[in-house]
Amino acid sequence: MTGWGEDGGGGVSDPKDQMCYVGFAACGCAVAATVDVPNHAKDNAKFVAGLIRDGLTVERRTVEWCRENLLRCTHKKAPAVAQGTLVL
């Protein structure tokens, strides 16, 4: 699988075992995420710092959780960060 495991994707052989940093809006919905790949630690740190600057709460979840829950906000005023900030 390209992007995972031995081919330089960070040492995780199964994407289901991979983790993400997830940004949650004040309403409690997951509105942004980035996969936690060790080879991109600086990029991840910048992304997470941006989420915090934007006022989001950040938690670490599995990629599987992100696929099921990300960008499902049904509230009237979903944060602008929800538009186009998905990095999976």
N, C-alpha and C. Protein backbone atom coordinates (compact mmCIF):
# COMPACT_ATOMS: atom_id res chain seq x y z
N MET A 1 0.84 -1.17 0.00
CA MET A 1 0.00 0.00 0.00
C MET A 1 0.89 1.24 0.00
N THR A 2 0.76 2.05 -0.98
CA THR A 2 1.58 3.25 -1.09
C THR A 2 1.27 4.22 0.04
N GLY A 3 2.34 4.76 0.65
CA GLY A 3 2.17 5.75 1.70
C GLY A 3 2.14 5.18 3.10
N TRP A 4 2.25 3.86 3.25
CA TRP A 4 2.20 3.24 4.56
C TRP A 4 3.33 2.23 4.70
N GLY A 5 3.77 2.00 5.91
CA GLY A 5 4.71 0.93 6.22
C GLY A 5 6.10 1.12 5.67
N GLU A 6 6.65 0.06 5.13
CA GLU A 6 8.05 0.01 4.72
C GLU A 6 8.41 1.01 3.62
N ASP A 7 7.44 1.50 2.89
CA ASP A 7 7.74 2.39 1.77
C ASP A 7 7.88 3.85 2.19
N GLY A 8 8.05 4.10 3.50
CA GLY A 8 8.31 5.47 3.94
C GLY A 8 7.12 6.21 4.49
N GLY A 9 6.04 5.51 4.75
CA GLY A 9 4.84 6.16 5.26
C GLY A 9 4.81 6.35 6.75
N GLY A 10 5.89 6.03 7.45
CA GLY A 10 5.92 6.29 8.88
C GLY A 10 6.00 5.04 9.74
N GLY A 11 6.12 3.87 9.11
CA GLY A 11 6.32 2.67 9.89
C GLY A 11 5.05 1.95 10.32
N VAL A 12 3.89 2.38 9.90
CA VAL A 12 2.65 1.70 10.24
C VAL A 12 2.20 0.91 9.02
N SER A 13 2.07 -0.41 9.18
CA SER A 13 1.76 -1.25 8.02
C SER A 13 0.28 -1.26 7.66
N ASP A 14 -0.60 -0.91 8.58
CA ASP A 14 -2.03 -0.93 8.31
C ASP A 14 -2.63 0.44 8.64
N PRO A 15 -3.28 1.09 7.68
CA PRO A 15 -3.84 2.42 7.94
C PRO A 15 -4.84 2.44 9.09
N LYS A 16 -5.46 1.31 9.40
CA LYS A 16 -6.40 1.26 10.52
C LYS A 16 -5.69 1.50 11.85
N ASP A 17 -4.39 1.23 11.91
CA ASP A 17 -3.61 1.43 13.13
C ASP A 17 -3.03 2.83 13.22
N GLN A 18 -3.17 3.62 12.18
CA GLN A 18 -2.59 4.97 12.13
C GLN A 18 -3.46 5.94 12.93
N MET A 19 -2.82 6.97 13.46
CA MET A 19 -3.52 7.96 14.28
C MET A 19 -3.59 9.32 13.56
N CYS A 20 -4.56 10.12 13.96
CA CYS A 20 -4.76 11.47 13.43
C CYS A 20 -4.85 12.46 14.58
N TYR A 21 -4.54 13.71 14.28
CA TYR A 21 -4.87 14.81 15.17
C TYR A 21 -6.15 15.41 14.62
N VAL A 22 -7.15 15.55 15.48
CA VAL A 22 -8.47 16.01 15.06
C VAL A 22 -8.81 17.32 15.75
N GLY A 23 -9.31 18.29 14.98
CA GLY A 23 -9.77 19.56 15.53
C GLY A 23 -11.27 19.54 15.71
N PHE A 24 -11.71 19.88 16.93
CA PHE A 24 -13.13 19.90 17.26
C PHE A 24 -13.60 21.34 17.44
N ALA A 25 -14.72 21.68 16.82
CA ALA A 25 -15.33 23.00 16.97
C ALA A 25 -16.02 23.09 18.33
N ALA A 26 -16.46 24.29 18.69
CA ALA A 26 -17.14 24.52 19.96
C ALA A 26 -18.40 23.67 20.09
N CYS A 27 -19.03 23.33 18.98
CA CYS A 27 -20.24 22.52 19.00
C CYS A 27 -19.94 21.05 19.31
N GLY A 28 -18.65 20.67 19.28
CA GLY A 28 -18.25 19.30 19.58
C GLY A 28 -18.01 18.44 18.36
N CYS A 29 -18.22 19.00 17.18
CA CYS A 29 -18.04 18.24 15.94
C CYS A 29 -16.59 18.28 15.46
N ALA A 30 -16.16 17.17 14.85
CA ALA A 30 -14.82 17.09 14.27
C ALA A 30 -14.83 17.78 12.91
N VAL A 31 -14.00 18.82 12.77
CA VAL A 31 -14.06 19.63 11.55
C VAL A 31 -12.74 19.69 10.77
N ALA A 32 -11.66 19.14 11.32
CA ALA A 32 -10.37 19.16 10.62
C ALA A 32 -9.50 18.04 11.17
N ALA A 33 -8.60 17.50 10.33
CA ALA A 33 -7.72 16.43 10.80
C ALA A 33 -6.49 16.33 9.93
N THR A 34 -5.44 15.77 10.51
CA THR A 34 -4.23 15.45 9.78
C THR A 34 -3.69 14.13 10.31
N VAL A 35 -3.22 13.29 9.43
CA VAL A 35 -2.67 11.99 9.83
C VAL A 35 -1.32 12.22 10.52
N ASP A 36 -1.12 11.54 11.62
CA ASP A 36 0.12 11.65 12.40
C ASP A 36 1.16 10.71 11.82
N VAL A 37 1.93 11.22 10.86
CA VAL A 37 2.99 10.44 10.22
C VAL A 37 4.33 10.98 10.72
N PRO A 38 5.14 10.13 11.37
CA PRO A 38 6.41 10.60 11.94
C PRO A 38 7.31 11.33 10.94
N ASN A 39 7.28 10.94 9.69
CA ASN A 39 8.12 11.59 8.68
C ASN A 39 7.70 13.03 8.41
N HIS A 40 6.54 13.43 8.90
CA HIS A 40 6.01 14.77 8.68
C HIS A 40 5.70 15.47 9.99
N ALA A 41 6.50 15.23 11.00
CA ALA A 41 6.25 15.77 12.34
C ALA A 41 6.15 17.29 12.34
N LYS A 42 7.03 17.97 11.60
CA LYS A 42 7.00 19.44 11.57
C LYS A 42 5.73 19.95 10.90
N ASP A 43 5.32 19.31 9.82
CA ASP A 43 4.09 19.70 9.14
C ASP A 43 2.88 19.49 10.05
N ASN A 44 2.87 18.34 10.74
CA ASN A 44 1.77 18.06 11.67
C ASN A 44 1.72 19.11 12.77
N ALA A 45 2.88 19.47 13.31
CA ALA A 45 2.94 20.46 14.39
C ALA A 45 2.39 21.81 13.92
N LYS A 46 2.74 22.22 12.71
CA LYS A 46 2.24 23.48 12.17
C LYS A 46 0.72 23.43 11.99
N PHE A 47 0.23 22.30 11.49
CA PHE A 47 -1.21 22.15 11.27
C PHE A 47 -1.96 22.20 12.59
N VAL A 48 -1.47 21.46 13.59
CA VAL A 48 -2.12 21.43 14.90
C VAL A 48 -2.07 22.82 15.54
N ALA A 49 -0.95 23.51 15.42
CA ALA A 49 -0.84 24.87 15.97
C ALA A 49 -1.88 25.78 15.33
N GLY A 50 -2.11 25.62 14.03
CA GLY A 50 -3.12 26.42 13.34
C GLY A 50 -4.52 26.12 13.84
N LEU A 51 -4.79 24.86 14.13
CA LEU A 51 -6.11 24.50 14.66
C LEU A 51 -6.33 25.17 16.01
N ILE A 52 -5.30 25.14 16.84
CA ILE A 52 -5.40 25.75 18.17
C ILE A 52 -5.58 27.26 18.04
N ARG A 53 -4.82 27.89 17.12
CA ARG A 53 -4.97 29.34 16.89
C ARG A 53 -6.38 29.68 16.43
N ASP A 54 -7.00 28.77 15.67
CA ASP A 54 -8.36 28.99 15.18
C ASP A 54 -9.42 28.71 16.25
N GLY A 55 -8.97 28.31 17.44
CA GLY A 55 -9.90 28.10 18.54
C GLY A 55 -10.48 26.70 18.65
N LEU A 56 -9.91 25.76 17.93
CA LEU A 56 -10.41 24.39 18.00
C LEU A 56 -9.72 23.63 19.14
N THR A 57 -10.41 22.63 19.65
CA THR A 57 -9.84 21.70 20.61
C THR A 57 -9.24 20.56 19.81
N VAL A 58 -8.04 20.10 20.16
CA VAL A 58 -7.36 19.06 19.39
C VAL A 58 -7.25 17.79 20.22
N GLU A 59 -7.59 16.67 19.60
CA GLU A 59 -7.46 15.35 20.21
C GLU A 59 -6.83 14.40 19.22
N ARG A 60 -6.30 13.30 19.71
CA ARG A 60 -5.70 12.28 18.86
C ARG A 60 -6.68 11.12 18.75
N ARG A 61 -7.02 10.74 17.52
CA ARG A 61 -7.97 9.65 17.26
C ARG A 61 -7.40 8.77 16.15
N THR A 62 -8.04 7.62 15.92
CA THR A 62 -7.60 6.72 14.85
C THR A 62 -8.08 7.24 13.49
N VAL A 63 -7.38 6.84 12.44
CA VAL A 63 -7.80 7.19 11.08
C VAL A 63 -9.20 6.65 10.84
N GLU A 64 -9.45 5.45 11.33
CA GLU A 64 -10.77 4.84 11.16
C GLU A 64 -11.86 5.73 11.78
N TRP A 65 -11.60 6.25 12.98
CA TRP A 65 -12.56 7.14 13.64
C TRP A 65 -12.78 8.38 12.78
N CYS A 66 -11.70 8.95 12.25
CA CYS A 66 -11.80 10.15 11.41
C CYS A 66 -12.65 9.90 10.17
N ARG A 67 -12.43 8.77 9.55
CA ARG A 67 -13.20 8.45 8.34
C ARG A 67 -14.70 8.38 8.63
N GLU A 68 -15.05 7.95 9.82
CA GLU A 68 -16.46 7.80 10.18
C GLU A 68 -17.09 9.08 10.72
N ASN A 69 -16.28 9.99 11.28
CA ASN A 69 -16.84 11.12 12.02
C ASN A 69 -16.47 12.52 11.52
N LEU A 70 -15.46 12.63 10.71
CA LEU A 70 -14.97 13.94 10.30
C LEU A 70 -15.94 14.63 9.34
N LEU A 71 -16.09 15.93 9.52
CA LEU A 71 -16.90 16.78 8.64
C LEU A 71 -18.36 16.35 8.56
N ARG A 72 -18.92 15.98 9.70
CA ARG A 72 -20.32 15.57 9.77
C ARG A 72 -21.15 16.57 10.58
N CYS A 73 -20.64 17.77 10.73
CA CYS A 73 -21.32 18.79 11.53
C CYS A 73 -22.66 19.15 10.89
N THR A 74 -23.71 19.12 11.70
CA THR A 74 -25.04 19.46 11.21
C THR A 74 -25.55 20.77 11.80
N HIS A 75 -24.70 21.45 12.52
CA HIS A 75 -25.10 22.71 13.14
C HIS A 75 -25.17 23.81 12.10
N LYS A 76 -26.00 24.81 12.37
CA LYS A 76 -26.20 25.89 11.41
C LYS A 76 -24.93 26.60 11.01
N LYS A 77 -24.09 26.90 11.97
CA LYS A 77 -22.89 27.68 11.68
C LYS A 77 -21.65 26.83 11.92
N ALA A 78 -21.39 25.90 11.01
CA ALA A 78 -20.16 25.11 11.11
C ALA A 78 -18.98 26.04 10.89
N PRO A 79 -17.88 25.86 11.60
CA PRO A 79 -16.72 26.75 11.45
C PRO A 79 -16.17 26.74 10.03
N ALA A 80 -15.61 27.84 9.61
CA ALA A 80 -15.04 27.96 8.27
C ALA A 80 -13.91 26.97 8.05
N VAL A 81 -13.22 26.59 9.10
CA VAL A 81 -12.11 25.64 8.97
C VAL A 81 -12.60 24.30 8.43
N ALA A 82 -13.89 24.00 8.55
CA ALA A 82 -14.43 22.75 8.06
C ALA A 82 -14.38 22.66 6.54
N GLN A 83 -14.21 23.77 5.87
CA GLN A 83 -14.21 23.79 4.42
C GLN A 83 -12.79 23.66 3.89
N GLY A 84 -12.43 22.48 3.41
CA GLY A 84 -11.18 22.28 2.73
C GLY A 84 -9.95 22.11 3.61
N THR A 85 -10.11 21.63 4.82
CA THR A 85 -8.95 21.46 5.69
C THR A 85 -8.70 19.98 6.00
N LEU A 86 -9.25 19.09 5.22
CA LEU A 86 -9.07 17.67 5.43
C LEU A 86 -7.76 17.21 4.84
N VAL A 87 -6.90 16.63 5.68
CA VAL A 87 -5.61 16.13 5.22
C VAL A 87 -5.49 14.69 5.67
N LEU A 88 -6.06 13.76 4.91
CA LEU A 88 -6.00 12.35 5.29
C LEU A 88 -5.26 11.58 4.24
